[in-house]
């Protein structure tokens, strides 16, 4: 139904996410772990939907944000923590109206790319048959 799971953290309303840990085998493992830790959800049909480059002063200083998208498999009971105080399921416009954690225009583009990617994902096509 093209809704987003959003969390409220110290930056405000945002999408679950974080850094790859040394124990994560790959980006999919990291995305699943972050979704579980922050929003108490499990994910399926995860795909990479976007790569954003942040240029540093030198090419060696460049950083990348890898955006993964997928479908919620299970939504557990939410328990607030010191990092995340709330969770909600919102339409894209409702999320963007609440979004406080960064550049809203960039987030709108990230969401559009993610929704497009999950709509055409090969796993998604097989699951709908």
N, C-alpha and C. Protein backbone atom coordinates (compact mmCIF):
# COMPACT_ATOMS: atom_id res chain seq x y z
N UNK A 1 0.81 -1.21 0.00
CA UNK A 1 0.00 0.00 0.00
C UNK A 1 0.85 1.27 0.00
N UNK A 2 2.16 1.11 -0.26
CA UNK A 2 3.08 2.22 -0.46
C UNK A 2 3.19 3.15 0.74
N UNK A 3 3.04 2.62 1.93
CA UNK A 3 3.22 3.41 3.15
C UNK A 3 4.63 3.21 3.67
N UNK A 4 5.07 4.13 4.51
CA UNK A 4 6.41 4.11 5.06
C UNK A 4 6.36 3.87 6.56
N UNK A 5 7.33 3.14 7.07
CA UNK A 5 7.49 3.01 8.51
C UNK A 5 8.50 4.08 8.91
N UNK A 6 8.07 5.01 9.75
CA UNK A 6 8.92 6.11 10.20
C UNK A 6 9.18 5.98 11.69
N UNK A 7 10.32 6.51 12.10
CA UNK A 7 10.67 6.51 13.52
C UNK A 7 11.02 7.94 13.95
N UNK A 8 10.77 8.21 15.22
CA UNK A 8 11.16 9.51 15.77
C UNK A 8 12.40 9.29 16.62
N UNK A 9 13.49 9.94 16.21
CA UNK A 9 14.75 9.83 16.94
C UNK A 9 15.23 11.24 17.31
N UNK A 10 16.48 11.35 17.70
CA UNK A 10 16.99 12.67 18.15
C UNK A 10 16.97 13.72 17.04
N UNK A 11 16.93 13.30 15.78
CA UNK A 11 16.87 14.24 14.66
C UNK A 11 15.44 14.62 14.29
N UNK A 12 14.46 13.94 14.85
CA UNK A 12 13.06 14.14 14.49
C UNK A 12 12.54 12.91 13.76
N UNK A 13 11.47 13.07 13.00
CA UNK A 13 10.91 11.95 12.24
C UNK A 13 11.83 11.63 11.07
N UNK A 14 12.14 10.34 10.91
CA UNK A 14 13.07 9.90 9.87
C UNK A 14 12.73 8.45 9.53
N UNK A 15 13.41 7.93 8.53
CA UNK A 15 13.29 6.52 8.18
C UNK A 15 14.33 5.74 8.98
N UNK A 16 14.04 4.49 9.32
CA UNK A 16 15.05 3.69 10.02
C UNK A 16 16.32 3.57 9.17
N UNK A 17 17.45 3.59 9.82
CA UNK A 17 18.71 3.47 9.09
C UNK A 17 19.90 3.62 10.00
N UNK A 18 21.06 3.44 9.44
CA UNK A 18 22.26 3.57 10.24
C UNK A 18 23.48 3.10 9.48
N UNK A 19 24.49 2.75 10.22
CA UNK A 19 25.78 2.35 9.64
C UNK A 19 25.90 0.84 9.55
N UNK A 20 26.73 0.40 8.64
CA UNK A 20 27.07 -1.02 8.55
C UNK A 20 28.02 -1.34 9.69
N UNK A 21 27.71 -2.38 10.43
CA UNK A 21 28.56 -2.84 11.54
C UNK A 21 29.49 -3.94 11.03
N UNK A 22 30.58 -4.18 11.74
CA UNK A 22 31.53 -5.22 11.31
C UNK A 22 30.88 -6.60 11.33
N UNK A 23 29.83 -6.78 12.12
CA UNK A 23 29.16 -8.08 12.18
C UNK A 23 28.15 -8.29 11.05
N UNK A 24 27.85 -7.22 10.29
CA UNK A 24 26.91 -7.34 9.16
C UNK A 24 27.63 -7.98 7.99
N UNK A 25 27.03 -9.02 7.42
CA UNK A 25 27.65 -9.73 6.30
C UNK A 25 27.60 -8.93 5.00
N UNK A 26 26.56 -8.08 4.88
CA UNK A 26 26.38 -7.31 3.65
C UNK A 26 25.39 -6.17 3.92
N UNK A 27 25.05 -5.41 2.89
CA UNK A 27 24.13 -4.29 3.06
C UNK A 27 22.73 -4.75 3.46
N UNK A 28 22.30 -5.87 2.95
CA UNK A 28 20.98 -6.39 3.29
C UNK A 28 20.91 -6.75 4.77
N UNK A 29 21.94 -7.39 5.28
CA UNK A 29 22.00 -7.73 6.70
C UNK A 29 21.96 -6.46 7.54
N UNK A 30 22.70 -5.45 7.15
CA UNK A 30 22.72 -4.18 7.88
C UNK A 30 21.34 -3.52 7.88
N UNK A 31 20.69 -3.49 6.73
CA UNK A 31 19.37 -2.87 6.63
C UNK A 31 18.35 -3.61 7.48
N UNK A 32 18.39 -4.92 7.45
CA UNK A 32 17.46 -5.71 8.28
C UNK A 32 17.70 -5.45 9.77
N UNK A 33 18.98 -5.40 10.16
CA UNK A 33 19.31 -5.16 11.57
C UNK A 33 18.83 -3.79 12.01
N UNK A 34 19.09 -2.76 11.21
CA UNK A 34 18.66 -1.41 11.57
C UNK A 34 17.13 -1.32 11.68
N UNK A 35 16.42 -1.93 10.74
CA UNK A 35 14.95 -1.92 10.79
C UNK A 35 14.44 -2.61 12.05
N UNK A 36 15.08 -3.72 12.40
CA UNK A 36 14.69 -4.46 13.60
C UNK A 36 15.01 -3.64 14.86
N UNK A 37 16.21 -3.07 14.93
CA UNK A 37 16.62 -2.31 16.11
C UNK A 37 15.80 -1.04 16.31
N UNK A 38 15.58 -0.29 15.25
CA UNK A 38 14.94 1.01 15.38
C UNK A 38 13.42 0.96 15.34
N UNK A 39 12.85 0.10 14.51
CA UNK A 39 11.40 0.12 14.32
C UNK A 39 10.70 -1.18 14.74
N UNK A 40 11.46 -2.16 15.18
CA UNK A 40 10.91 -3.48 15.55
C UNK A 40 10.10 -4.10 14.42
N UNK A 41 10.67 -4.03 13.20
CA UNK A 41 10.05 -4.66 12.04
C UNK A 41 11.06 -5.60 11.40
N UNK A 42 10.54 -6.62 10.73
CA UNK A 42 11.39 -7.46 9.89
C UNK A 42 11.04 -7.16 8.44
N UNK A 43 12.05 -7.23 7.60
CA UNK A 43 11.90 -6.83 6.20
C UNK A 43 12.10 -8.01 5.26
N UNK A 44 11.45 -7.93 4.10
CA UNK A 44 11.65 -8.92 3.03
C UNK A 44 11.76 -8.18 1.70
N UNK A 45 12.25 -8.87 0.70
CA UNK A 45 12.41 -8.30 -0.64
C UNK A 45 13.22 -7.01 -0.62
N UNK A 46 14.31 -7.00 0.14
CA UNK A 46 15.16 -5.81 0.19
C UNK A 46 15.97 -5.66 -1.09
N UNK A 47 16.01 -4.45 -1.60
CA UNK A 47 16.79 -4.12 -2.79
C UNK A 47 17.45 -2.75 -2.58
N UNK A 48 18.56 -2.54 -3.24
CA UNK A 48 19.21 -1.22 -3.19
C UNK A 48 18.43 -0.29 -4.11
N UNK A 49 18.00 0.84 -3.56
CA UNK A 49 17.20 1.76 -4.37
C UNK A 49 17.94 3.05 -4.72
N UNK A 50 19.00 3.37 -4.02
CA UNK A 50 19.66 4.62 -4.28
C UNK A 50 21.07 4.61 -3.69
N UNK A 51 21.98 5.31 -4.33
CA UNK A 51 23.33 5.54 -3.81
C UNK A 51 23.56 7.05 -3.89
N UNK A 52 23.85 7.64 -2.75
CA UNK A 52 24.06 9.08 -2.69
C UNK A 52 25.51 9.34 -2.30
N UNK A 53 26.18 10.15 -3.09
CA UNK A 53 27.59 10.46 -2.83
C UNK A 53 27.69 11.83 -2.16
N UNK A 54 28.43 11.86 -1.07
CA UNK A 54 28.73 13.11 -0.38
C UNK A 54 30.20 13.41 -0.63
N UNK A 55 30.46 14.46 -1.37
CA UNK A 55 31.84 14.78 -1.76
C UNK A 55 32.59 15.43 -0.60
N UNK A 56 33.79 14.93 -0.38
CA UNK A 56 34.67 15.51 0.61
C UNK A 56 35.63 16.49 -0.06
N UNK A 57 36.51 17.06 0.74
CA UNK A 57 37.50 17.99 0.21
C UNK A 57 38.42 17.30 -0.79
N UNK A 58 38.69 16.02 -0.57
CA UNK A 58 39.51 15.20 -1.46
C UNK A 58 38.69 13.97 -1.85
N UNK A 59 39.00 13.35 -2.98
CA UNK A 59 38.25 12.14 -3.37
C UNK A 59 38.27 11.05 -2.30
N UNK A 60 39.38 10.97 -1.54
CA UNK A 60 39.46 9.96 -0.47
C UNK A 60 38.49 10.26 0.68
N UNK A 61 37.98 11.49 0.74
CA UNK A 61 37.07 11.89 1.82
C UNK A 61 35.60 11.68 1.45
N UNK A 62 35.34 11.26 0.21
CA UNK A 62 33.95 11.04 -0.21
C UNK A 62 33.31 9.96 0.66
N UNK A 63 32.02 10.13 0.93
CA UNK A 63 31.22 9.17 1.69
C UNK A 63 29.99 8.83 0.86
N UNK A 64 29.44 7.65 1.11
CA UNK A 64 28.28 7.20 0.36
C UNK A 64 27.18 6.74 1.29
N UNK A 65 25.96 7.07 0.92
CA UNK A 65 24.79 6.55 1.62
C UNK A 65 24.12 5.57 0.66
N UNK A 66 23.96 4.34 1.11
CA UNK A 66 23.28 3.32 0.32
C UNK A 66 21.87 3.18 0.88
N UNK A 67 20.87 3.41 0.05
CA UNK A 67 19.48 3.33 0.49
C UNK A 67 18.92 1.98 0.06
N UNK A 68 18.43 1.24 1.04
CA UNK A 68 17.78 -0.05 0.80
C UNK A 68 16.29 0.13 1.01
N UNK A 69 15.50 -0.56 0.23
CA UNK A 69 14.05 -0.52 0.40
C UNK A 69 13.52 -1.94 0.34
N UNK A 70 12.37 -2.14 0.92
CA UNK A 70 11.77 -3.47 0.93
C UNK A 70 10.37 -3.42 1.49
N UNK A 71 9.86 -4.59 1.73
CA UNK A 71 8.51 -4.73 2.28
C UNK A 71 8.60 -5.17 3.74
N UNK A 72 7.67 -4.69 4.55
CA UNK A 72 7.61 -5.13 5.94
C UNK A 72 7.05 -6.54 5.96
N UNK A 73 7.80 -7.44 6.58
CA UNK A 73 7.35 -8.81 6.74
C UNK A 73 6.50 -8.93 8.00
N UNK A 74 7.04 -8.45 9.12
CA UNK A 74 6.33 -8.48 10.40
C UNK A 74 6.60 -7.20 11.15
N UNK A 75 5.56 -6.70 11.80
CA UNK A 75 5.70 -5.51 12.62
C UNK A 75 5.50 -5.92 14.07
N UNK A 76 6.58 -5.86 14.85
CA UNK A 76 6.51 -6.22 16.25
C UNK A 76 5.96 -5.08 17.08
N UNK A 77 5.71 -5.36 18.34
CA UNK A 77 5.28 -4.31 19.27
C UNK A 77 6.40 -3.30 19.42
N UNK A 78 6.06 -2.03 19.40
CA UNK A 78 7.08 -1.00 19.50
C UNK A 78 7.44 -0.76 20.96
N UNK A 79 8.73 -0.71 21.23
CA UNK A 79 9.25 -0.37 22.55
C UNK A 79 10.21 0.79 22.36
N UNK A 80 9.89 1.93 22.99
CA UNK A 80 10.74 3.10 22.88
C UNK A 80 12.10 2.82 23.52
N UNK A 81 13.12 3.49 23.01
CA UNK A 81 14.47 3.34 23.54
C UNK A 81 15.11 4.72 23.67
N UNK A 82 16.35 4.74 24.10
CA UNK A 82 17.05 6.03 24.20
C UNK A 82 17.32 6.61 22.80
N UNK A 83 17.33 5.78 21.77
CA UNK A 83 17.57 6.25 20.40
C UNK A 83 16.30 6.57 19.64
N UNK A 84 15.23 5.79 19.85
CA UNK A 84 13.99 5.94 19.09
C UNK A 84 12.82 6.02 20.07
N UNK A 85 12.05 7.11 19.97
CA UNK A 85 10.96 7.32 20.94
C UNK A 85 9.58 7.00 20.39
N UNK A 86 9.44 6.83 19.06
CA UNK A 86 8.12 6.58 18.50
C UNK A 86 8.27 5.94 17.13
N UNK A 87 7.19 5.29 16.68
CA UNK A 87 7.14 4.68 15.35
C UNK A 87 5.74 4.95 14.79
N UNK A 88 5.67 5.14 13.49
CA UNK A 88 4.37 5.36 12.85
C UNK A 88 4.42 4.81 11.43
N UNK A 89 3.26 4.50 10.89
CA UNK A 89 3.13 4.07 9.49
C UNK A 89 2.40 5.20 8.78
N UNK A 90 3.07 5.78 7.79
CA UNK A 90 2.56 7.00 7.17
C UNK A 90 2.59 6.92 5.65
N UNK A 91 1.71 7.68 5.02
CA UNK A 91 1.81 7.87 3.57
C UNK A 91 3.04 8.75 3.32
N UNK A 92 3.53 8.75 2.09
CA UNK A 92 4.68 9.59 1.76
C UNK A 92 4.42 11.07 2.06
N UNK A 93 3.27 11.63 1.65
CA UNK A 93 3.03 13.05 1.96
C UNK A 93 2.98 13.33 3.47
N UNK A 94 2.36 12.41 4.23
CA UNK A 94 2.29 12.61 5.68
C UNK A 94 3.68 12.54 6.31
N UNK A 95 4.51 11.60 5.84
CA UNK A 95 5.87 11.51 6.36
C UNK A 95 6.65 12.77 6.02
N UNK A 96 6.59 13.21 4.78
CA UNK A 96 7.34 14.39 4.37
C UNK A 96 6.91 15.64 5.13
N UNK A 97 5.63 15.72 5.51
CA UNK A 97 5.15 16.86 6.30
C UNK A 97 5.77 16.85 7.70
N UNK A 98 6.09 15.66 8.22
CA UNK A 98 6.69 15.53 9.55
C UNK A 98 8.22 15.51 9.52
N UNK A 99 8.81 15.25 8.36
CA UNK A 99 10.25 15.03 8.24
C UNK A 99 11.05 16.23 8.71
N UNK A 100 11.98 15.99 9.63
CA UNK A 100 12.77 17.08 10.23
C UNK A 100 14.27 16.79 10.20
N UNK A 101 14.66 15.64 9.71
CA UNK A 101 16.03 15.17 9.91
C UNK A 101 17.01 15.61 8.83
N UNK A 102 16.56 16.32 7.82
CA UNK A 102 17.48 16.70 6.75
C UNK A 102 16.78 17.46 5.64
N UNK A 103 17.28 17.31 4.44
CA UNK A 103 16.77 18.01 3.27
C UNK A 103 15.50 17.32 2.78
N UNK A 104 14.35 17.99 2.92
CA UNK A 104 13.05 17.39 2.56
C UNK A 104 12.96 17.09 1.07
N UNK A 105 13.52 17.95 0.23
CA UNK A 105 13.50 17.72 -1.22
C UNK A 105 14.29 16.46 -1.57
N UNK A 106 15.46 16.30 -0.98
CA UNK A 106 16.26 15.10 -1.21
C UNK A 106 15.53 13.85 -0.70
N UNK A 107 14.89 13.97 0.46
CA UNK A 107 14.15 12.83 1.01
C UNK A 107 12.99 12.45 0.10
N UNK A 108 12.33 13.43 -0.47
CA UNK A 108 11.22 13.15 -1.41
C UNK A 108 11.73 12.35 -2.61
N UNK A 109 12.91 12.71 -3.12
CA UNK A 109 13.52 11.97 -4.23
C UNK A 109 13.92 10.55 -3.81
N UNK A 110 14.45 10.41 -2.61
CA UNK A 110 14.84 9.09 -2.09
C UNK A 110 13.61 8.18 -2.00
N UNK A 111 12.53 8.73 -1.47
CA UNK A 111 11.29 7.94 -1.31
C UNK A 111 10.73 7.56 -2.68
N UNK A 112 10.70 8.48 -3.61
CA UNK A 112 10.18 8.19 -4.96
C UNK A 112 10.99 7.07 -5.61
N UNK A 113 12.32 7.15 -5.51
CA UNK A 113 13.16 6.10 -6.10
C UNK A 113 12.93 4.77 -5.41
N UNK A 114 12.79 4.79 -4.09
CA UNK A 114 12.57 3.55 -3.35
C UNK A 114 11.23 2.90 -3.71
N UNK A 115 10.19 3.71 -3.78
CA UNK A 115 8.87 3.17 -4.13
C UNK A 115 8.85 2.63 -5.55
N UNK A 116 9.52 3.31 -6.46
CA UNK A 116 9.61 2.82 -7.84
C UNK A 116 10.38 1.51 -7.89
N UNK A 117 11.47 1.44 -7.16
CA UNK A 117 12.33 0.24 -7.19
C UNK A 117 11.59 -0.97 -6.62
N UNK A 118 10.90 -0.80 -5.52
CA UNK A 118 10.21 -1.94 -4.91
C UNK A 118 9.03 -2.38 -5.79
N UNK A 119 8.45 -1.45 -6.52
CA UNK A 119 7.32 -1.80 -7.41
C UNK A 119 7.77 -2.66 -8.57
N UNK A 120 9.05 -2.55 -9.00
CA UNK A 120 9.51 -3.31 -10.15
C UNK A 120 10.53 -4.39 -9.78
N UNK A 121 10.76 -4.58 -8.48
CA UNK A 121 11.73 -5.58 -8.03
C UNK A 121 11.33 -6.98 -8.52
N UNK A 122 12.29 -7.78 -9.06
CA UNK A 122 11.97 -9.14 -9.49
C UNK A 122 11.36 -9.98 -8.38
N UNK A 123 11.84 -9.84 -7.14
CA UNK A 123 11.25 -10.58 -6.02
C UNK A 123 9.81 -10.18 -5.80
N UNK A 124 9.52 -8.91 -5.94
CA UNK A 124 8.16 -8.39 -5.77
C UNK A 124 7.25 -8.95 -6.86
N UNK A 125 7.76 -9.00 -8.13
CA UNK A 125 6.93 -9.54 -9.21
C UNK A 125 6.61 -11.01 -8.95
N UNK A 126 7.62 -11.79 -8.52
CA UNK A 126 7.37 -13.21 -8.23
C UNK A 126 6.39 -13.39 -7.08
N UNK A 127 6.48 -12.54 -6.05
CA UNK A 127 5.61 -12.67 -4.88
C UNK A 127 4.16 -12.34 -5.23
N UNK A 128 3.94 -11.51 -6.25
CA UNK A 128 2.57 -11.12 -6.58
C UNK A 128 1.89 -12.11 -7.52
N UNK A 129 2.61 -13.09 -8.01
CA UNK A 129 2.01 -14.06 -8.94
C UNK A 129 1.19 -15.08 -8.22
